Amino acid sequence: MPDYRNDPTLPAPAFPGSHLVLDDDYVFASGLTAADIQGGETVIGDVSEETRWIMRQLQRLLEAADCRLDDVVRVDVHLVDLDEISDMDAAYAEFFTKDHYPARTCTESSKLYGDSRVEITLVARRSA
């Protein structure tokens, strides 16, 4: 039976969903922007800093589910402007072991929540 979780430090989702859903094998994290994180409004407009804020929050959420970023197998990134992908990639890469990056898709989205520049969602494999 899936376990549906909302993190008490984040605002309740403004959509019909959960921050995390856990099953026996995986942790699924909903998309997260800097605007979703208390204090994140201070970095909105800087795609590198937004990426770091989001990745730190996702790391914390995974740890609460007994996972680590090393357990991530899939990431989806949405950028308002794909011309900022190099800056996002540099910040993103700080959170993973070189040559052990998860599978990833990156798309351009014309508008993200709260004027954010980047949104990230992920899937992590739970330890057996």
C-alpha atoms as a PDB file:
ATOM      1  CA  MET A   1       0.000   0.000   0.000  1.00  0.00           C
ATOM      2  CA  PRO A   2       1.522   3.361  -0.962  1.00  0.00           C
ATOM      3  CA  ASP A   3       2.391   5.839   1.776  1.00  0.00           C
ATOM      4  CA  TYR A   4       1.366   9.410   0.884  1.00  0.00           C
ATOM      5  CA  ARG A   5       3.328  12.114   2.719  1.00  0.00           C
ATOM      6  CA  ASN A   6       3.327  15.876   2.940  1.00  0.00           C
ATOM      7  CA  ASP A   7       6.279  17.562   4.587  1.00  0.00           C
ATOM      8  CA  PRO A   8       5.207  19.820   7.472  1.00  0.00           C
ATOM      9  CA  THR A   9       7.921  22.371   6.637  1.00  0.00           C
ATOM     10  CA  LEU A  10       6.546  22.935   3.132  1.00  0.00           C
ATOM     11  CA  PRO A  11       3.255  24.575   2.241  1.00  0.00           C
ATOM     12  CA  ALA A  12       0.541  22.026   1.505  1.00  0.00           C
ATOM     13  CA  PRO A  13       0.469  21.310  -2.219  1.00  0.00           C
ATOM     14  CA  ALA A  14      -1.704  23.794  -4.105  1.00  0.00           C
ATOM     15  CA  PHE A  15      -2.690  20.902  -6.373  1.00  0.00           C
ATOM     16  CA  PRO A  16      -4.369  17.579  -5.586  1.00  0.00           C
ATOM     17  CA  GLY A  17      -1.187  15.664  -4.775  1.00  0.00           C
ATOM     18  CA  SER A  18       1.422  14.772  -2.169  1.00  0.00           C
ATOM     19  CA  HIS A  19       5.013  15.897  -1.694  1.00  0.00           C
ATOM     20  CA  LEU A  20       6.142  12.260  -1.564  1.00  0.00           C
ATOM     21  CA  VAL A  21       4.627   8.890  -2.348  1.00  0.00           C
ATOM     22  CA  LEU A  22       6.461   5.796  -1.152  1.00  0.00           C
ATOM     23  CA  ASP A  23       5.856   2.228  -2.218  1.00  0.00           C
ATOM     24  CA  ASP A  24       7.885  -0.896  -1.480  1.00  0.00           C
ATOM     25  CA  ASP A  25      10.495  -0.069  -4.124  1.00  0.00           C
ATOM     26  CA  TYR A  26      10.489   3.654  -4.858  1.00  0.00           C
ATOM     27  CA  VAL A  27      10.086   7.175  -3.506  1.00  0.00           C
ATOM     28  CA  PHE A  28       8.339   9.564  -5.899  1.00  0.00           C
ATOM     29  CA  ALA A  29       8.791  13.295  -5.230  1.00  0.00           C
ATOM     30  CA  SER A  30       6.444  15.885  -6.718  1.00  0.00           C
ATOM     31  CA  GLY A  31       7.937  18.802  -8.608  1.00  0.00           C
ATOM     32  CA  LEU A  32       9.499  21.409  -6.353  1.00  0.00           C
ATOM     33  CA  THR A  33      10.416  25.037  -7.034  1.00  0.00           C
ATOM     34  CA  ALA A  34      12.228  27.619  -4.919  1.00  0.00           C
ATOM     35  CA  ALA A  35       8.848  29.347  -4.456  1.00  0.00           C
ATOM     36  CA  ASP A  36       7.630  26.204  -2.628  1.00  0.00           C
ATOM     37  CA  ILE A  37      10.394  26.503  -0.009  1.00  0.00           C
ATOM     38  CA  GLN A  38      10.267  28.985   2.867  1.00  0.00           C
ATOM     39  CA  GLY A  39      12.918  31.612   2.150  1.00  0.00           C
ATOM     40  CA  GLY A  40      13.297  30.431  -1.438  1.00  0.00           C
ATOM     41  CA  GLU A  41      11.888  33.673  -2.757  1.00  0.00           C
ATOM     42  CA  THR A  42      15.285  35.212  -1.958  1.00  0.00           C
ATOM     43  CA  VAL A  43      16.944  33.229  -4.766  1.00  0.00           C
ATOM     44  CA  ILE A  44      14.220  33.370  -7.432  1.00  0.00           C
ATOM     45  CA  GLY A  45      15.705  34.651 -10.662  1.00  0.00           C
ATOM     46  CA  ASP A  46      19.093  32.936 -10.196  1.00  0.00           C
ATOM     47  CA  VAL A  47      18.771  29.482 -11.770  1.00  0.00           C
ATOM     48  CA  SER A  48      21.945  28.175 -10.078  1.00  0.00           C
ATOM     49  CA  GLU A  49      20.821  29.173  -6.590  1.00  0.00           C
ATOM     50  CA  GLU A  50      17.260  27.986  -7.217  1.00  0.00           C
ATOM     51  CA  THR A  51      18.671  24.604  -8.256  1.00  0.00           C
ATOM     52  CA  ARG A  52      20.764  24.369  -5.082  1.00  0.00           C
ATOM     53  CA  TRP A  53      17.771  25.317  -2.860  1.00  0.00           C
ATOM     54  CA  ILE A  54      15.588  22.701  -4.526  1.00  0.00           C
ATOM     55  CA  MET A  55      18.218  19.964  -4.442  1.00  0.00           C
ATOM     56  CA  ARG A  56      18.936  20.571  -0.736  1.00  0.00           C
ATOM     57  CA  GLN A  57      15.215  20.355   0.006  1.00  0.00           C
ATOM     58  CA  LEU A  58      14.831  17.178  -2.067  1.00  0.00           C
ATOM     59  CA  GLN A  59      17.840  15.725  -0.252  1.00  0.00           C
ATOM     60  CA  ARG A  60      16.175  16.456   3.082  1.00  0.00           C
ATOM     61  CA  LEU A  61      12.865  14.950   1.918  1.00  0.00           C
ATOM     62  CA  LEU A  62      14.631  11.802   0.752  1.00  0.00           C
ATOM     63  CA  GLU A  63      16.481  11.461   4.052  1.00  0.00           C
ATOM     64  CA  ALA A  64      13.129  11.618   5.871  1.00  0.00           C
ATOM     65  CA  ALA A  65      12.108   8.634   3.719  1.00  0.00           C
ATOM     66  CA  ASP A  66      15.363   6.757   4.523  1.00  0.00           C
ATOM     67  CA  CYS A  67      16.863   7.449   1.085  1.00  0.00           C
ATOM     68  CA  ARG A  68      19.771   9.468  -0.233  1.00  0.00           C
ATOM     69  CA  LEU A  69      20.511  11.310  -3.447  1.00  0.00           C
ATOM     70  CA  ASP A  70      22.678   8.307  -4.390  1.00  0.00           C
ATOM     71  CA  ASP A  71      19.409   6.340  -4.574  1.00  0.00           C
ATOM     72  CA  VAL A  72      17.891   8.645  -7.223  1.00  0.00           C
ATOM     73  CA  VAL A  73      17.303   6.876 -10.536  1.00  0.00           C
ATOM     74  CA  ARG A  74      15.230   9.453 -12.454  1.00  0.00           C
ATOM     75  CA  VAL A  75      15.004  13.266 -12.498  1.00  0.00           C
ATOM     76  CA  ASP A  76      12.802  15.638 -14.489  1.00  0.00           C
ATOM     77  CA  VAL A  77      13.895  19.263 -14.744  1.00  0.00           C
ATOM     78  CA  HIS A  78      11.774  22.078 -16.131  1.00  0.00           C
ATOM     79  CA  LEU A  79      13.460  25.371 -16.990  1.00  0.00           C
ATOM     80  CA  VAL A  80      11.755  28.587 -18.014  1.00  0.00           C
ATOM     81  CA  ASP A  81      14.660  29.171 -20.428  1.00  0.00           C
ATOM     82  CA  LEU A  82      16.774  26.314 -21.829  1.00  0.00           C
ATOM     83  CA  ASP A  83      19.544  28.847 -22.441  1.00  0.00           C
ATOM     84  CA  GLU A  84      20.143  28.577 -18.649  1.00  0.00           C
ATOM     85  CA  ILE A  85      20.802  24.830 -18.783  1.00  0.00           C
ATOM     86  CA  SER A  86      24.582  25.178 -18.322  1.00  0.00           C
ATOM     87  CA  ASP A  87      24.146  27.143 -15.092  1.00  0.00           C
ATOM     88  CA  MET A  88      21.519  24.685 -13.841  1.00  0.00           C
ATOM     89  CA  ASP A  89      23.698  21.686 -14.809  1.00  0.00           C
ATOM     90  CA  ALA A  90      26.701  23.042 -12.891  1.00  0.00           C
ATOM     91  CA  ALA A  91      24.664  23.453  -9.690  1.00  0.00           C
ATOM     92  CA  TYR A  92      22.792  20.138 -10.201  1.00  0.00           C
ATOM     93  CA  ALA A  93      26.027  18.173 -10.673  1.00  0.00           C
ATOM     94  CA  GLU A  94      27.213  19.260  -7.197  1.00  0.00           C
ATOM     95  CA  PHE A  95      24.671  16.877  -5.654  1.00  0.00           C
ATOM     96  CA  PHE A  96      25.604  13.643  -7.442  1.00  0.00           C
ATOM     97  CA  THR A  97      28.676  11.468  -7.782  1.00  0.00           C
ATOM     98  CA  LYS A  98      30.420  12.044 -11.092  1.00  0.00           C
ATOM     99  CA  ASP A  99      29.624   9.335 -13.649  1.00  0.00           C
ATOM    100  CA  HIS A 100      26.704   8.066 -11.503  1.00  0.00           C
ATOM    101  CA  TYR A 101      24.069  10.567 -12.543  1.00  0.00           C
ATOM    102  CA  PRO A 102      20.409   9.513 -12.641  1.00  0.00           C
ATOM    103  CA  ALA A 103      18.505   9.326 -15.911  1.00  0.00           C
ATOM    104  CA  ARG A 104      17.159  12.788 -16.672  1.00  0.00           C
ATOM    105  CA  THR A 105      14.884  14.801 -18.898  1.00  0.00           C
ATOM    106  CA  CYS A 106      15.091  18.577 -19.138  1.00  0.00           C
ATOM    107  CA  THR A 107      12.372  20.604 -20.825  1.00  0.00           C
ATOM    108  CA  GLU A 108      11.529  24.245 -21.297  1.00  0.00           C
ATOM    109  CA  SER A 109       8.329  25.398 -19.613  1.00  0.00           C
ATOM    110  CA  SER A 110       7.122  28.903 -20.271  1.00  0.00           C
ATOM    111  CA  LYS A 111       5.900  29.529 -16.720  1.00  0.00           C
ATOM    112  CA  LEU A 112       6.616  27.892 -13.372  1.00  0.00           C
ATOM    113  CA  TYR A 113       5.071  28.433  -9.942  1.00  0.00           C
ATOM    114  CA  GLY A 114       5.914  31.708  -8.213  1.00  0.00           C
ATOM    115  CA  ASP A 115       8.072  33.038 -11.063  1.00  0.00           C
ATOM    116  CA  SER A 116      10.638  30.321 -10.397  1.00  0.00           C
ATOM    117  CA  ARG A 117      13.180  29.550 -13.128  1.00  0.00           C
ATOM    118  CA  VAL A 118      13.503  25.803 -12.393  1.00  0.00           C
ATOM    119  CA  GLU A 119      11.341  22.927 -11.128  1.00  0.00           C
ATOM    120  CA  ILE A 120      12.741  19.501 -10.257  1.00  0.00           C
ATOM    121  CA  THR A 121      11.019  16.194  -9.556  1.00  0.00           C
ATOM    122  CA  LEU A 122      12.645  12.824  -8.926  1.00  0.00           C
ATOM    123  CA  VAL A 123      12.289   9.108  -8.300  1.00  0.00           C
ATOM    124  CA  ALA A 124      14.571   7.234  -5.889  1.00  0.00           C
ATOM    125  CA  ARG A 125      15.000   3.495  -5.403  1.00  0.00           C
ATOM    126  CA  ARG A 126      14.390   2.390  -1.834  1.00  0.00           C
ATOM    127  CA  SER A 127      16.962   0.134  -0.192  1.00  0.00           C
ATOM    128  CA  ALA A 128      16.005  -3.489   0.117  1.00  0.00           C
END
